[in-house]
Amino acid sequence: MLREVLKKLVRREISIDEAEKLLRVTAISEIDNIAKLDVNREIRKGIPEIVLAEGKTTDDLAKIALEALERKGRVIISRASSGHINVLKHATPADSILQINEKAGIIVLKKKDFELEKTGGKIGILTAGTSDIPVAEEAKTVAEEMGCEVVAAYDVGIAGIHRLFPPLKEMIERDVDVIVAVAGREGALPSVVAGMVDIPVIGVPTSISYGLGEKGVSALMAMLQACPLGLTVVNIDSGVAAGSTAALIANRVAKVRKAKG
């Protein structure tokens, strides 16, 4: 729709005021009074449409996802259950593909002719343990769908800190623009990484913990109290927030790199 409005404006078929009105009208797409899609978000913010499946019925999710697919050519769905996944498998149109990461509960639904533009942004993603991988994969999917190259290394936490150094060295050598460090329990990994590198680090606490400070509370508090500067923290289990923020940083850096030649 945006392209059509711009074409009409260039051909002088509509005025600037008419074009502005059309863009405002199409900025929000309402679906059966159950959802309002911000169809221009990617143009405005650089972040694609991401639909949270959690709390939605399978039928409602399918309606929202298909509408977003039709309008944008791609939609990302997070926190999808097996029921959501099964419905979307049957609802996906023949001209589209469904990419499913069941471990992370994240889905990318896109038209077969959808072209993902590589930005040149580079992101490193680390997890402390194997249990943290689903959150990391959520961040990885979002970052890749925002055009970034992702270098990932999992299960490299401080319980065996020697495991951290080879992947961290590789990320520095590959000149990543930002690192996402995912950890549960006492949440120490982001602090260690932030104390060793000269690039932004995004800490992601996970709910992998129990007892006092359970469900990620200890990890979140530890990251918020971290000594090293250059570390910022997102909410517990928030891979989507970490991946999108990391991609915004990396894409901004890539844009400057390209401008400098």
Protein backbone atom coordinates (compact mmCIF):
# COMPACT_ATOMS: atom_id res chain seq x y z
CA MET A 1 0.00 0.00 0.00
CA LEU A 2 2.81 2.43 0.87
CA ARG A 3 4.42 1.88 -2.53
CA GLU A 4 1.13 2.52 -4.33
CA VAL A 5 0.59 5.77 -2.43
CA LEU A 6 4.10 6.94 -3.32
CA LYS A 7 3.59 6.05 -6.98
CA LYS A 8 0.37 8.06 -7.10
CA LEU A 9 2.12 10.98 -5.44
CA VAL A 10 5.01 10.90 -7.95
CA ARG A 11 2.55 10.72 -10.84
CA ARG A 12 0.73 13.71 -9.28
CA GLU A 13 -2.50 11.74 -9.13
CA ILE A 14 -2.93 12.76 -5.48
CA SER A 15 -1.77 15.72 -3.39
CA ILE A 16 0.66 15.60 -0.48
CA ASP A 17 -2.25 16.06 1.92
CA GLU A 18 -4.16 13.17 0.32
CA ALA A 19 -1.07 10.95 0.49
CA GLU A 20 -0.58 11.77 4.17
CA LYS A 21 -4.23 10.92 4.90
CA LEU A 22 -3.97 7.59 3.06
CA LEU A 23 -0.85 6.65 5.01
CA ARG A 24 -2.53 7.46 8.31
CA VAL A 25 -5.57 5.41 7.34
CA THR A 26 -3.50 2.38 6.39
CA ALA A 27 -1.18 2.63 9.40
CA ILE A 28 -3.52 0.49 11.50
CA SER A 29 -5.26 -2.61 10.18
CA GLU A 30 -8.08 -3.89 12.36
CA ILE A 31 -8.91 -7.60 12.29
CA ASP A 32 -12.38 -8.72 13.31
CA ASN A 33 -12.25 -6.43 16.36
CA ILE A 34 -9.62 -8.72 17.96
CA ALA A 35 -6.36 -7.05 16.92
CA LYS A 36 -4.92 -3.92 15.37
CA LEU A 37 -1.81 -4.44 13.27
CA ASP A 38 0.74 -1.66 13.05
CA VAL A 39 1.51 -2.37 9.40
CA ASN A 40 3.98 0.50 9.07
CA ARG A 41 6.08 -0.40 12.10
CA GLU A 42 8.98 -1.80 10.09
CA ILE A 43 9.22 1.34 7.97
CA ARG A 44 9.02 3.56 11.04
CA LYS A 45 11.18 1.56 13.47
CA GLY A 46 13.10 -1.01 11.47
CA ILE A 47 11.47 -3.85 13.46
CA PRO A 48 9.21 -6.33 11.62
CA GLU A 49 5.71 -7.26 12.77
CA ILE A 50 6.02 -9.67 15.72
CA VAL A 51 2.82 -11.23 17.04
CA LEU A 52 2.76 -12.67 20.55
CA ALA A 53 0.91 -16.00 20.42
CA GLU A 54 0.75 -16.44 24.18
CA GLY A 55 -2.78 -15.83 25.46
CA LYS A 56 -4.37 -15.97 22.01
CA THR A 57 -6.66 -18.72 20.78
CA THR A 58 -5.40 -20.71 17.83
CA ASP A 59 -8.15 -19.32 15.57
CA ASP A 60 -7.44 -15.71 16.55
CA LEU A 61 -3.72 -16.17 16.02
CA ALA A 62 -4.28 -17.67 12.58
CA LYS A 63 -6.49 -14.71 11.54
CA ILE A 64 -3.93 -12.17 12.77
CA ALA A 65 -0.97 -13.98 11.21
CA LEU A 66 -2.60 -14.40 7.81
CA GLU A 67 -3.69 -10.77 7.71
CA ALA A 68 -0.16 -9.62 8.57
CA LEU A 69 1.25 -12.00 5.96
CA GLU A 70 -1.06 -10.61 3.29
CA ARG A 71 -0.25 -6.99 4.10
CA LYS A 72 3.48 -7.24 4.79
CA GLY A 73 4.66 -10.44 3.10
CA ARG A 74 6.10 -11.68 6.39
CA VAL A 75 5.16 -12.01 10.04
CA ILE A 76 7.06 -13.34 13.06
CA ILE A 77 5.13 -15.16 15.78
CA SER A 78 6.62 -15.59 19.25
CA ARG A 79 5.74 -17.82 22.23
CA ALA A 80 3.78 -20.23 20.06
CA SER A 81 2.45 -23.45 21.58
CA SER A 82 2.21 -26.78 19.79
CA GLY A 83 -1.48 -26.01 19.21
CA HIS A 84 -0.65 -22.69 17.56
CA ILE A 85 1.97 -24.38 15.41
CA ASN A 86 -0.39 -27.13 14.25
CA VAL A 87 -3.09 -24.64 13.22
CA LEU A 88 -0.61 -22.47 11.31
CA LYS A 89 0.75 -25.53 9.50
CA HIS A 90 -2.70 -26.14 8.04
CA ALA A 91 -3.52 -22.46 7.49
CA THR A 92 -0.35 -21.48 5.61
CA PRO A 93 -1.18 -20.53 1.98
CA ALA A 94 0.46 -22.39 -0.90
CA ASP A 95 2.44 -19.30 -1.91
CA SER A 96 4.03 -19.01 1.55
CA ILE A 97 6.51 -20.87 3.74
CA LEU A 98 6.42 -21.57 7.46
CA GLN A 99 9.74 -21.65 9.34
CA ILE A 100 9.30 -23.16 12.80
CA ASN A 101 11.73 -23.20 15.72
CA GLU A 102 9.83 -25.42 18.13
CA LYS A 103 12.51 -25.19 20.81
CA ALA A 104 12.06 -21.41 21.00
CA GLY A 105 8.37 -21.38 20.08
CA ILE A 106 9.07 -18.82 17.38
CA ILE A 107 7.73 -18.94 13.84
CA VAL A 108 8.45 -16.96 10.68
CA LEU A 109 5.66 -16.98 8.11
CA LYS A 110 6.57 -15.37 4.81
CA LYS A 111 5.66 -15.27 1.14
CA LYS A 112 7.94 -17.39 -1.05
CA ASP A 113 8.99 -14.31 -2.99
CA PHE A 114 9.77 -12.28 0.13
CA GLU A 115 13.33 -10.96 -0.07
CA LEU A 116 15.25 -10.41 3.15
CA GLU A 117 17.80 -7.65 2.76
CA LYS A 118 21.13 -8.25 4.51
CA THR A 119 22.20 -5.14 6.39
CA GLY A 120 25.79 -6.01 7.23
CA GLY A 121 25.06 -5.86 10.97
CA LYS A 122 26.83 -8.52 13.05
CA ILE A 123 25.66 -9.88 16.39
CA GLY A 124 27.15 -12.38 18.82
CA ILE A 125 24.85 -14.49 21.01
CA LEU A 126 26.06 -16.50 24.02
CA THR A 127 24.23 -18.66 26.54
CA ALA A 128 25.43 -19.74 29.95
CA GLY A 129 23.69 -23.12 29.78
CA THR A 130 21.81 -25.45 27.46
CA SER A 131 18.54 -24.56 29.21
CA ASP A 132 18.97 -20.95 28.09
CA ILE A 133 19.05 -21.85 24.38
CA PRO A 134 15.31 -21.32 23.65
CA VAL A 135 15.56 -17.67 24.70
CA ALA A 136 18.76 -17.24 22.69
CA GLU A 137 17.13 -18.79 19.63
CA GLU A 138 14.26 -16.34 19.95
CA ALA A 139 16.77 -13.46 19.88
CA LYS A 140 18.67 -15.06 16.99
CA THR A 141 15.56 -15.44 14.83
CA VAL A 142 14.50 -11.83 15.33
CA ALA A 143 18.01 -10.50 14.64
CA GLU A 144 18.35 -12.58 11.46
CA GLU A 145 14.94 -11.44 10.24
CA MET A 146 16.17 -7.88 10.72
CA GLY A 147 18.98 -8.62 8.27
CA CYS A 148 21.84 -9.32 10.67
CA GLU A 149 24.51 -12.01 10.61
CA VAL A 150 24.52 -13.90 13.91
CA VAL A 151 27.45 -15.74 15.49
CA ALA A 152 26.13 -17.99 18.27
CA ALA A 153 27.80 -20.14 20.94
CA TYR A 154 25.84 -22.00 23.58
CA ASP A 155 26.59 -23.57 26.99
CA VAL A 156 29.67 -21.44 27.72
CA GLY A 157 28.79 -20.21 31.22
CA ILE A 158 31.04 -19.51 34.17
CA ALA A 159 30.67 -22.99 35.68
CA GLY A 160 33.39 -23.85 33.15
CA ILE A 161 34.64 -20.44 32.20
CA HIS A 162 37.34 -21.84 29.91
CA ARG A 163 34.52 -22.63 27.45
CA LEU A 164 33.77 -18.93 27.02
CA PHE A 165 37.09 -17.74 25.64
CA PRO A 166 37.23 -19.44 22.18
CA PRO A 167 33.74 -18.24 21.03
CA LEU A 168 34.28 -14.80 22.54
CA LYS A 169 37.61 -14.54 20.72
CA GLU A 170 35.88 -15.52 17.46
CA MET A 171 33.21 -12.86 17.94
CA ILE A 172 35.86 -10.19 18.52
CA GLU A 173 37.81 -11.37 15.46
CA ARG A 174 34.63 -11.25 13.37
CA ASP A 175 34.05 -7.72 14.65
CA VAL A 176 30.50 -8.17 15.93
CA ASP A 177 28.73 -4.92 16.76
CA VAL A 178 26.96 -6.10 19.91
CA ILE A 179 26.78 -9.25 22.06
CA VAL A 180 23.67 -10.77 23.61
CA ALA A 181 24.49 -12.83 26.73
CA VAL A 182 21.72 -15.10 28.03
CA ALA A 183 21.90 -16.62 31.50
CA GLY A 184 19.75 -17.98 34.32
CA ARG A 185 20.69 -18.97 37.87
CA GLU A 186 22.89 -16.17 39.26
CA GLY A 187 23.10 -14.48 35.84
CA ALA A 188 26.87 -13.93 35.91
CA LEU A 189 27.73 -14.43 32.23
CA PRO A 190 26.76 -10.93 30.95
CA SER A 191 28.86 -9.29 33.67
CA VAL A 192 31.91 -11.36 32.77
CA VAL A 193 31.51 -10.66 29.04
CA ALA A 194 30.88 -6.93 29.56
CA GLY A 195 34.08 -6.71 31.58
CA MET A 196 36.12 -8.14 28.69
CA VAL A 197 34.89 -6.42 25.50
CA ASP A 198 34.63 -2.87 24.18
CA ILE A 199 31.23 -3.28 22.53
CA PRO A 200 27.69 -3.09 23.94
CA VAL A 201 26.44 -6.18 25.78
CA ILE A 202 22.77 -6.98 26.26
CA GLY A 203 22.05 -9.24 29.23
CA VAL A 204 19.02 -11.52 29.12
CA PRO A 205 18.05 -13.19 32.41
CA THR A 206 16.16 -16.45 32.01
CA SER A 207 13.67 -18.11 34.32
CA ILE A 208 15.97 -21.12 34.78
CA SER A 209 16.34 -20.96 38.58
CA TYR A 210 14.58 -22.19 41.70
CA GLY A 211 14.29 -21.53 45.43
CA LEU A 212 15.10 -18.03 46.68
CA GLY A 213 15.09 -15.68 43.71
CA GLU A 214 13.39 -18.28 41.54
CA LYS A 215 12.04 -17.83 38.01
CA GLY A 216 14.85 -15.53 36.92
CA VAL A 217 14.53 -12.91 39.66
CA SER A 218 18.06 -13.53 40.98
CA ALA A 219 19.54 -13.37 37.47
CA LEU A 220 17.69 -10.12 36.70
CA MET A 221 18.76 -8.46 39.95
CA ALA A 222 22.37 -9.57 39.51
CA MET A 223 22.52 -8.16 35.97
CA LEU A 224 20.97 -4.87 37.08
CA GLN A 225 23.60 -4.63 39.84
CA ALA A 226 26.52 -5.52 37.53
CA CYS A 227 29.77 -3.56 37.93
CA PRO A 228 31.00 -3.49 34.29
CA LEU A 229 29.79 -0.53 32.24
CA GLY A 230 28.41 -1.08 28.76
CA LEU A 231 25.92 -3.71 29.93
CA THR A 232 22.18 -3.17 29.52
CA VAL A 233 19.48 -5.63 30.55
CA VAL A 234 16.10 -6.70 29.19
CA ASN A 235 13.29 -8.49 30.98
CA ILE A 236 13.30 -12.13 32.04
CA ASP A 237 13.15 -14.54 29.06
CA SER A 238 12.81 -11.60 26.66
CA GLY A 239 14.68 -12.91 23.64
CA VAL A 240 12.55 -10.80 21.29
CA ALA A 241 13.52 -7.57 23.07
CA ALA A 242 17.20 -8.53 23.12
CA GLY A 243 17.27 -9.60 19.47
CA SER A 244 15.46 -6.52 18.18
CA THR A 245 17.55 -4.10 20.26
CA ALA A 246 20.80 -5.79 19.23
CA ALA A 247 19.74 -5.64 15.58
CA LEU A 248 18.88 -1.94 15.82
CA ILE A 249 22.37 -1.26 17.20
CA ALA A 250 24.12 -3.50 14.66
CA ASN A 251 22.15 -2.12 11.72
CA ARG A 252 22.93 1.43 12.74
CA VAL A 253 26.65 0.59 12.94
CA ALA A 254 26.48 -1.19 9.56
CA LYS A 255 24.85 1.86 7.99
CA VAL A 256 27.74 4.07 9.15
CA ARG A 257 30.26 1.49 7.94
CA LYS A 258 28.73 1.49 4.48
CA ALA A 259 28.62 5.29 4.35
CA LYS A 260 32.33 5.44 5.10
CA GLY A 261 33.00 3.03 2.26
